[in-house]
């Protein structure tokens, strides 16, 4: 049996969870003071958290008050809160799997291949950058069903 060094850094505030992980097959559980359970799977760049509203697969997700919500980049108060893309659809109170980075494929997604995709309100994605609020680049579409997620620091516009 081999052993691996796991380096984890987690920051939790009232409205944001940040996790930095090193490669591992282990699962790391984090409990916040808000009684919200967060599961971060090391090595897969994903997390599982309770949804604060109904969420569809492919929605851009932000964390607020320890819950997952659809990202709203028109509100500059959401600066830096986009964390990833929902892999599954879930009703409020259910567990949503969020892909934080890397490749996500969803059959029938309908992305524009070979284009950068930006966040728009209600957790949506568009190849047209917004003209007000936050310019949040979420990733690059490898094809119509696959997004390479690499969330950049937003720009206030």
Protein backbone atom coordinates (compact mmCIF):
# COMPACT_ATOMS: atom_id res chain seq x y z
CA UNK A 1 0.00 0.00 0.00
CA UNK A 2 1.45 3.37 -0.99
CA UNK A 3 0.90 6.64 0.78
CA UNK A 4 0.52 10.11 -0.69
CA UNK A 5 1.02 13.52 0.80
CA UNK A 6 -2.20 15.53 0.70
CA UNK A 7 -2.00 19.28 0.99
CA UNK A 8 -5.31 21.01 1.65
CA UNK A 9 -6.12 24.62 2.30
CA UNK A 10 -9.76 25.53 2.95
CA UNK A 11 -11.13 29.00 3.65
CA UNK A 12 -14.77 29.34 4.67
CA UNK A 13 -16.56 32.63 5.22
CA UNK A 14 -20.27 33.38 5.49
CA UNK A 15 -20.62 33.53 1.73
CA UNK A 16 -17.69 31.67 0.15
CA UNK A 17 -15.83 28.39 0.38
CA UNK A 18 -12.33 28.12 -1.07
CA UNK A 19 -10.45 24.85 -1.25
CA UNK A 20 -6.95 24.25 -2.62
CA UNK A 21 -6.03 20.59 -2.95
CA UNK A 22 -3.09 18.44 -3.99
CA UNK A 23 -3.63 15.15 -5.84
CA UNK A 24 -5.18 12.31 -3.84
CA UNK A 25 -7.86 9.67 -4.13
CA UNK A 26 -9.07 10.51 -0.65
CA UNK A 27 -12.31 12.35 0.05
CA UNK A 28 -12.15 15.34 2.37
CA UNK A 29 -15.21 16.48 4.32
CA UNK A 30 -15.54 20.02 5.63
CA UNK A 31 -18.19 21.20 8.09
CA UNK A 32 -18.89 24.93 8.27
CA UNK A 33 -20.27 26.82 11.26
CA UNK A 34 -23.41 27.27 9.15
CA UNK A 35 -24.15 23.55 9.60
CA UNK A 36 -23.52 23.08 5.89
CA UNK A 37 -21.71 19.94 4.85
CA UNK A 38 -19.28 20.28 1.97
CA UNK A 39 -17.53 17.34 0.37
CA UNK A 40 -14.42 18.06 -1.65
CA UNK A 41 -12.99 15.21 -3.68
CA UNK A 42 -9.25 15.67 -3.94
CA UNK A 43 -7.75 15.04 -7.34
CA UNK A 44 -11.01 15.55 -9.23
CA UNK A 45 -11.52 19.32 -8.87
CA UNK A 46 -15.10 18.96 -7.70
CA UNK A 47 -17.14 19.61 -4.60
CA UNK A 48 -20.61 18.68 -3.37
CA UNK A 49 -22.72 21.20 -1.48
CA UNK A 50 -26.37 21.89 -0.63
CA UNK A 51 -28.28 23.94 -3.20
CA UNK A 52 -29.99 27.12 -1.99
CA UNK A 53 -32.30 27.13 -5.03
CA UNK A 54 -33.23 24.87 -7.95
CA UNK A 55 -30.14 24.36 -10.11
CA UNK A 56 -29.81 22.86 -13.59
CA UNK A 57 -26.83 20.91 -14.85
CA UNK A 58 -24.47 23.30 -16.68
CA UNK A 59 -25.35 26.29 -14.46
CA UNK A 60 -22.44 28.46 -13.33
CA UNK A 61 -22.47 28.23 -9.53
CA UNK A 62 -21.58 30.65 -6.75
CA UNK A 63 -21.47 29.98 -3.01
CA UNK A 64 -23.39 32.34 -0.74
CA UNK A 65 -24.19 31.81 2.93
CA UNK A 66 -22.75 28.30 2.66
CA UNK A 67 -25.16 27.24 -0.13
CA UNK A 68 -24.91 26.89 -3.92
CA UNK A 69 -26.75 29.40 -6.10
CA UNK A 70 -26.84 30.27 -9.81
CA UNK A 71 -24.16 32.90 -10.46
CA UNK A 72 -25.42 36.44 -11.11
CA UNK A 73 -22.57 38.44 -12.70
CA UNK A 74 -24.74 41.54 -13.25
CA UNK A 75 -24.37 42.19 -9.48
CA UNK A 76 -20.80 43.33 -8.70
CA UNK A 77 -21.37 42.19 -5.10
CA UNK A 78 -20.83 38.67 -6.51
CA UNK A 79 -17.22 39.48 -7.43
CA UNK A 80 -15.08 36.35 -7.09
CA UNK A 81 -17.97 34.10 -6.06
CA UNK A 82 -18.18 31.92 -9.19
CA UNK A 83 -16.70 28.55 -8.24
CA UNK A 84 -17.62 26.11 -11.01
CA UNK A 85 -20.29 24.40 -13.10
CA UNK A 86 -23.12 22.18 -11.81
CA UNK A 87 -22.75 18.62 -13.07
CA UNK A 88 -26.25 17.59 -12.00
CA UNK A 89 -29.70 19.16 -11.72
CA UNK A 90 -31.04 19.46 -8.20
CA UNK A 91 -33.92 21.06 -6.30
CA UNK A 92 -33.31 23.49 -3.45
CA UNK A 93 -32.03 21.54 -0.44
CA UNK A 94 -30.51 18.77 -2.58
CA UNK A 95 -26.83 18.04 -3.12
CA UNK A 96 -25.24 19.58 -6.21
CA UNK A 97 -21.97 18.31 -7.67
CA UNK A 98 -19.84 21.26 -8.82
CA UNK A 99 -16.91 20.85 -11.18
CA UNK A 100 -14.36 23.47 -10.11
CA UNK A 101 -11.91 23.11 -12.97
CA UNK A 102 -10.83 20.86 -15.79
CA UNK A 103 -13.00 19.12 -18.37
CA UNK A 104 -16.78 18.72 -18.06
CA UNK A 105 -18.81 16.94 -20.75
CA UNK A 106 -22.60 17.07 -20.78
CA UNK A 107 -24.43 15.40 -23.68
CA UNK A 108 -26.54 17.87 -25.64
CA UNK A 109 -25.07 20.92 -23.87
CA UNK A 110 -25.06 23.04 -27.04
CA UNK A 111 -21.88 25.01 -26.45
CA UNK A 112 -20.22 26.96 -29.26
CA UNK A 113 -17.11 24.93 -30.09
CA UNK A 114 -13.69 26.61 -30.08
CA UNK A 115 -15.01 29.69 -28.24
CA UNK A 116 -14.48 31.26 -24.82
CA UNK A 117 -17.64 31.16 -22.69
CA UNK A 118 -18.56 33.89 -20.20
CA UNK A 119 -20.98 33.84 -17.27
CA UNK A 120 -24.34 35.53 -17.70
CA UNK A 121 -27.16 35.89 -15.19
CA UNK A 122 -29.09 32.92 -13.82
CA UNK A 123 -25.99 30.73 -14.08
CA UNK A 124 -25.92 30.83 -17.86
CA UNK A 125 -23.04 30.78 -20.34
CA UNK A 126 -22.57 32.88 -23.48
CA UNK A 127 -19.87 33.51 -26.05
CA UNK A 128 -20.89 37.19 -25.94
CA UNK A 129 -19.21 39.00 -23.04
CA UNK A 130 -21.54 41.08 -20.85
CA UNK A 131 -21.31 44.87 -21.05
CA UNK A 132 -22.19 45.64 -17.42
CA UNK A 133 -21.52 44.08 -14.01
CA UNK A 134 -18.78 41.43 -13.98
CA UNK A 135 -16.90 39.98 -16.91
CA UNK A 136 -16.31 36.39 -15.76
CA UNK A 137 -14.55 34.06 -18.19
CA UNK A 138 -15.60 30.52 -17.25
CA UNK A 139 -13.93 28.34 -19.85
CA UNK A 140 -13.27 27.26 -23.40
CA UNK A 141 -15.53 24.91 -25.36
CA UNK A 142 -13.55 22.01 -26.79
CA UNK A 143 -16.69 20.93 -28.67
CA UNK A 144 -20.47 21.40 -28.35
CA UNK A 145 -20.66 19.10 -25.29
CA UNK A 146 -17.33 19.74 -23.53
CA UNK A 147 -16.14 22.78 -21.59
CA UNK A 148 -12.59 23.16 -20.29
CA UNK A 149 -13.37 25.01 -17.06
CA UNK A 150 -10.85 27.62 -16.04
CA UNK A 151 -12.54 30.41 -14.12
CA UNK A 152 -10.56 33.62 -14.33
CA UNK A 153 -10.66 36.54 -11.89
CA UNK A 154 -13.64 38.68 -12.96
CA UNK A 155 -13.30 42.21 -14.30
CA UNK A 156 -15.72 44.92 -13.15
CA UNK A 157 -17.16 46.62 -16.25
